[in-house]
Structure formats: structure tokens, C-alpha cells
N, C-alpha and C. Protein backbone atom coordinates (compact mmCIF):
# COMPACT_ATOMS: atom_id res chain seq x y z
N MET A 1 185.12 195.65 214.98
CA MET A 1 184.50 196.97 214.97
C MET A 1 183.56 197.06 213.77
N ASN A 2 182.54 197.88 213.94
CA ASN A 2 181.65 198.12 212.82
C ASN A 2 181.62 199.62 212.50
N ALA A 3 180.96 199.97 211.42
CA ALA A 3 180.94 201.36 210.95
C ALA A 3 180.34 202.30 211.99
N SER A 4 179.32 201.85 212.68
CA SER A 4 178.67 202.68 213.69
C SER A 4 179.63 203.01 214.84
N GLU A 5 180.40 202.04 215.27
CA GLU A 5 181.36 202.27 216.35
C GLU A 5 182.44 203.26 215.92
N ILE A 6 182.90 203.14 214.69
CA ILE A 6 183.93 204.05 214.19
C ILE A 6 183.36 205.45 214.06
N GLN A 7 182.13 205.56 213.59
CA GLN A 7 181.49 206.87 213.49
C GLN A 7 181.37 207.52 214.87
N GLN A 8 181.03 206.73 215.88
CA GLN A 8 180.93 207.26 217.24
C GLN A 8 182.29 207.74 217.75
N LEU A 9 183.35 206.97 217.48
CA LEU A 9 184.69 207.39 217.89
C LEU A 9 185.08 208.71 217.24
N LEU A 10 184.85 208.81 215.94
CA LEU A 10 185.21 210.04 215.23
C LEU A 10 184.36 211.21 215.68
N SER A 11 183.07 210.99 215.88
CA SER A 11 182.18 212.06 216.31
C SER A 11 182.55 212.58 217.71
N ALA A 12 182.98 211.68 218.58
CA ALA A 12 183.39 212.08 219.93
C ALA A 12 184.70 212.88 219.90
N ALA A 13 185.59 212.54 218.98
CA ALA A 13 186.90 213.19 218.90
C ALA A 13 186.87 214.47 218.07
N ILE A 14 186.01 214.50 217.06
CA ILE A 14 185.94 215.66 216.15
C ILE A 14 184.56 216.28 216.31
N THR A 15 184.37 216.96 217.42
CA THR A 15 183.04 217.45 217.78
C THR A 15 182.53 218.58 216.89
N ASP A 16 183.43 219.27 216.23
CA ASP A 16 183.01 220.42 215.41
C ASP A 16 182.98 220.11 213.92
N ALA A 17 182.97 218.83 213.55
CA ALA A 17 182.88 218.46 212.14
C ALA A 17 181.49 218.80 211.61
N ASP A 18 181.43 219.20 210.35
CA ASP A 18 180.15 219.47 209.71
C ASP A 18 179.43 218.18 209.35
N HIS A 19 180.19 217.13 209.07
CA HIS A 19 179.60 215.86 208.65
C HIS A 19 180.63 214.76 208.83
N ILE A 20 180.18 213.62 209.34
CA ILE A 20 181.02 212.43 209.44
C ILE A 20 180.17 211.24 209.00
N ALA A 21 180.71 210.47 208.07
CA ALA A 21 180.02 209.26 207.62
C ALA A 21 181.03 208.13 207.51
N VAL A 22 180.62 206.93 207.91
CA VAL A 22 181.49 205.76 207.85
C VAL A 22 180.70 204.61 207.23
N GLU A 23 181.32 203.94 206.29
CA GLU A 23 180.74 202.76 205.66
C GLU A 23 181.77 201.65 205.66
N GLY A 24 181.31 200.42 205.63
CA GLY A 24 182.21 199.29 205.52
C GLY A 24 182.02 198.29 206.63
N ASP A 25 182.79 197.21 206.55
CA ASP A 25 182.78 196.17 207.57
C ASP A 25 183.99 195.28 207.36
N GLY A 26 184.14 194.31 208.22
CA GLY A 26 185.26 193.38 208.08
C GLY A 26 186.62 194.02 208.25
N GLY A 27 186.68 195.12 208.98
CA GLY A 27 187.95 195.79 209.21
C GLY A 27 188.34 196.78 208.14
N LYS A 28 187.54 196.92 207.08
CA LYS A 28 187.83 197.86 205.99
C LYS A 28 186.71 198.88 205.91
N PHE A 29 187.09 200.17 206.02
CA PHE A 29 186.09 201.21 206.14
C PHE A 29 186.40 202.40 205.24
N ASN A 30 185.34 203.04 204.79
CA ASN A 30 185.42 204.30 204.05
C ASN A 30 184.88 205.39 204.96
N VAL A 31 185.68 206.42 205.16
CA VAL A 31 185.34 207.50 206.07
C VAL A 31 185.26 208.80 205.28
N THR A 32 184.21 209.56 205.50
CA THR A 32 184.08 210.90 204.94
C THR A 32 183.93 211.88 206.10
N VAL A 33 184.80 212.87 206.14
CA VAL A 33 184.73 213.90 207.17
C VAL A 33 184.76 215.26 206.48
N VAL A 34 183.82 216.11 206.89
CA VAL A 34 183.76 217.49 206.39
C VAL A 34 184.11 218.39 207.56
N HIS A 35 185.16 219.19 207.38
CA HIS A 35 185.63 220.04 208.47
C HIS A 35 186.28 221.29 207.89
N SER A 36 185.99 222.42 208.48
CA SER A 36 186.52 223.69 207.96
C SER A 36 188.04 223.79 208.08
N SER A 37 188.65 223.12 209.05
CA SER A 37 190.11 223.21 209.21
C SER A 37 190.86 222.55 208.06
N PHE A 38 190.19 221.72 207.26
CA PHE A 38 190.86 221.08 206.12
C PHE A 38 191.30 222.10 205.07
N GLU A 39 190.73 223.29 205.11
CA GLU A 39 191.11 224.33 204.15
C GLU A 39 192.59 224.67 204.23
N THR A 40 193.18 224.57 205.43
CA THR A 40 194.58 224.96 205.61
C THR A 40 195.52 223.78 205.85
N MET A 41 195.00 222.58 205.83
CA MET A 41 195.84 221.39 206.10
C MET A 41 196.36 220.76 204.83
N ARG A 42 197.56 220.23 204.93
CA ARG A 42 198.11 219.42 203.84
C ARG A 42 197.48 218.02 203.92
N PRO A 43 197.52 217.26 202.84
CA PRO A 43 196.89 215.94 202.83
C PRO A 43 197.34 215.02 203.97
N VAL A 44 198.62 215.01 204.30
CA VAL A 44 199.10 214.13 205.37
C VAL A 44 198.52 214.56 206.72
N ALA A 45 198.42 215.84 206.95
CA ALA A 45 197.84 216.35 208.21
C ALA A 45 196.36 215.96 208.31
N LYS A 46 195.66 215.98 207.19
CA LYS A 46 194.25 215.57 207.19
C LYS A 46 194.13 214.10 207.58
N GLN A 47 195.02 213.27 207.03
CA GLN A 47 195.00 211.85 207.37
C GLN A 47 195.30 211.63 208.85
N GLN A 48 196.27 212.34 209.36
CA GLN A 48 196.63 212.21 210.77
C GLN A 48 195.47 212.63 211.67
N PHE A 49 194.74 213.65 211.25
CA PHE A 49 193.58 214.16 211.98
C PHE A 49 192.53 213.05 212.12
N ILE A 50 192.34 212.27 211.08
CA ILE A 50 191.35 211.18 211.09
C ILE A 50 191.91 209.95 211.79
N TYR A 51 193.16 209.60 211.51
CA TYR A 51 193.75 208.40 212.11
C TYR A 51 193.90 208.52 213.63
N GLY A 52 194.09 209.70 214.14
CA GLY A 52 194.33 209.91 215.58
C GLY A 52 193.35 209.17 216.47
N PRO A 53 192.04 209.44 216.33
CA PRO A 53 191.08 208.77 217.20
C PRO A 53 190.95 207.25 216.94
N LEU A 54 191.45 206.80 215.81
CA LEU A 54 191.31 205.39 215.43
C LEU A 54 192.56 204.57 215.70
N GLN A 55 193.65 205.22 216.09
CA GLN A 55 194.96 204.58 216.16
C GLN A 55 194.99 203.33 217.03
N ALA A 56 194.36 203.37 218.19
CA ALA A 56 194.40 202.20 219.07
C ALA A 56 193.74 200.99 218.41
N HIS A 57 192.69 201.23 217.66
CA HIS A 57 191.97 200.14 216.99
C HIS A 57 192.70 199.66 215.75
N ILE A 58 193.45 200.55 215.11
CA ILE A 58 194.28 200.15 213.99
C ILE A 58 195.44 199.29 214.51
N SER A 59 196.04 199.73 215.61
CA SER A 59 197.16 198.98 216.20
C SER A 59 196.74 197.61 216.68
N SER A 60 195.51 197.50 217.19
CA SER A 60 195.03 196.21 217.70
C SER A 60 194.61 195.26 216.59
N GLY A 61 194.45 195.79 215.37
CA GLY A 61 194.02 194.97 214.26
C GLY A 61 192.51 194.96 214.04
N ALA A 62 191.77 195.65 214.91
CA ALA A 62 190.31 195.71 214.76
C ALA A 62 189.93 196.46 213.48
N ILE A 63 190.77 197.41 213.11
CA ILE A 63 190.59 198.14 211.85
C ILE A 63 191.79 197.82 210.98
N HIS A 64 191.55 197.29 209.79
CA HIS A 64 192.65 196.91 208.90
C HIS A 64 192.96 197.98 207.86
N ALA A 65 191.93 198.64 207.37
CA ALA A 65 192.12 199.63 206.30
C ALA A 65 191.09 200.73 206.42
N VAL A 66 191.56 201.95 206.20
CA VAL A 66 190.67 203.11 206.22
C VAL A 66 190.94 203.92 204.95
N SER A 67 189.93 204.04 204.13
CA SER A 67 189.99 204.95 202.98
C SER A 67 189.23 206.19 203.42
N MET A 68 189.79 207.35 203.13
CA MET A 68 189.12 208.55 203.63
C MET A 68 188.96 209.61 202.57
N ARG A 69 187.89 210.34 202.75
CA ARG A 69 187.61 211.52 201.94
C ARG A 69 187.51 212.67 202.94
N THR A 70 188.42 213.62 202.83
CA THR A 70 188.45 214.78 203.73
C THR A 70 188.07 216.00 202.91
N LEU A 71 186.96 216.60 203.27
CA LEU A 71 186.42 217.70 202.47
C LEU A 71 186.21 218.95 203.31
N THR A 72 186.41 220.10 202.68
CA THR A 72 186.01 221.35 203.31
C THR A 72 184.50 221.49 203.13
N PRO A 73 183.86 222.36 203.89
CA PRO A 73 182.42 222.55 203.70
C PRO A 73 182.07 222.95 202.26
N GLU A 74 182.91 223.75 201.61
CA GLU A 74 182.64 224.16 200.23
C GLU A 74 182.78 222.98 199.27
N GLU A 75 183.80 222.16 199.46
CA GLU A 75 183.97 220.97 198.62
C GLU A 75 182.79 220.03 198.78
N TRP A 76 182.30 219.88 200.01
CA TRP A 76 181.17 219.02 200.28
C TRP A 76 179.90 219.56 199.61
N ARG A 77 179.71 220.87 199.70
CA ARG A 77 178.55 221.50 199.06
C ARG A 77 178.57 221.23 197.56
N LYS A 78 179.72 221.43 196.94
CA LYS A 78 179.84 221.18 195.50
C LYS A 78 179.63 219.71 195.16
N MET A 79 180.15 218.82 195.98
CA MET A 79 179.99 217.40 195.74
C MET A 79 178.51 217.01 195.79
N LYS A 80 177.78 217.56 196.74
CA LYS A 80 176.35 217.26 196.84
C LYS A 80 175.58 217.82 195.65
N LEU A 81 176.01 218.97 195.15
CA LEU A 81 175.32 219.59 194.02
C LEU A 81 175.62 218.87 192.71
N PHE A 82 176.90 218.52 192.50
CA PHE A 82 177.33 218.03 191.20
C PHE A 82 177.68 216.53 191.20
N GLY A 83 177.64 215.91 192.35
CA GLY A 83 177.92 214.48 192.39
C GLY A 83 179.31 214.17 192.45
């Protein structure tokens, strides 16, 4: 799998995300998702939200590692402003 394929999977599953970005290769990927529902989710629920659409590929070994950044729209706005 490549980053583009993972981004397509996430975009198809999380249609109302404000932003989805995927980087990486060789089975190791960094995922950033901005979604308003993260405001009320605990960290484990956020991870499950992202892992859900990827689970079959994780189980098959096509994806070995996923590092994720789950941000609310406000957190994303601040990150873009302040780095």
C-alpha cells in the first residue's frame, strides 16, 4: 500500500473530515485527520475511528505501523498559525 491508497480509504470512510493527510511508505505511515467529532472523543476512540477503515490492511500486513495526529478544527487552525 502507498500513502495515496490509504488517503483514499480514509477519505471514503470519513467523508465529513475537514482534512486528511497521509505520508510514508514501506508499510509505515503518518496520518493526520481533522474532524469536529474529536472534540468529544477520548484518545482511544480517536484511534479506533482511524484504524477502522484500515483494519483489513493492517491484518493482512500491508500496513505495519500507523502514527496518527487527530485534531479538532480549532487545534488544526492553531497548529497552522503557530506551527
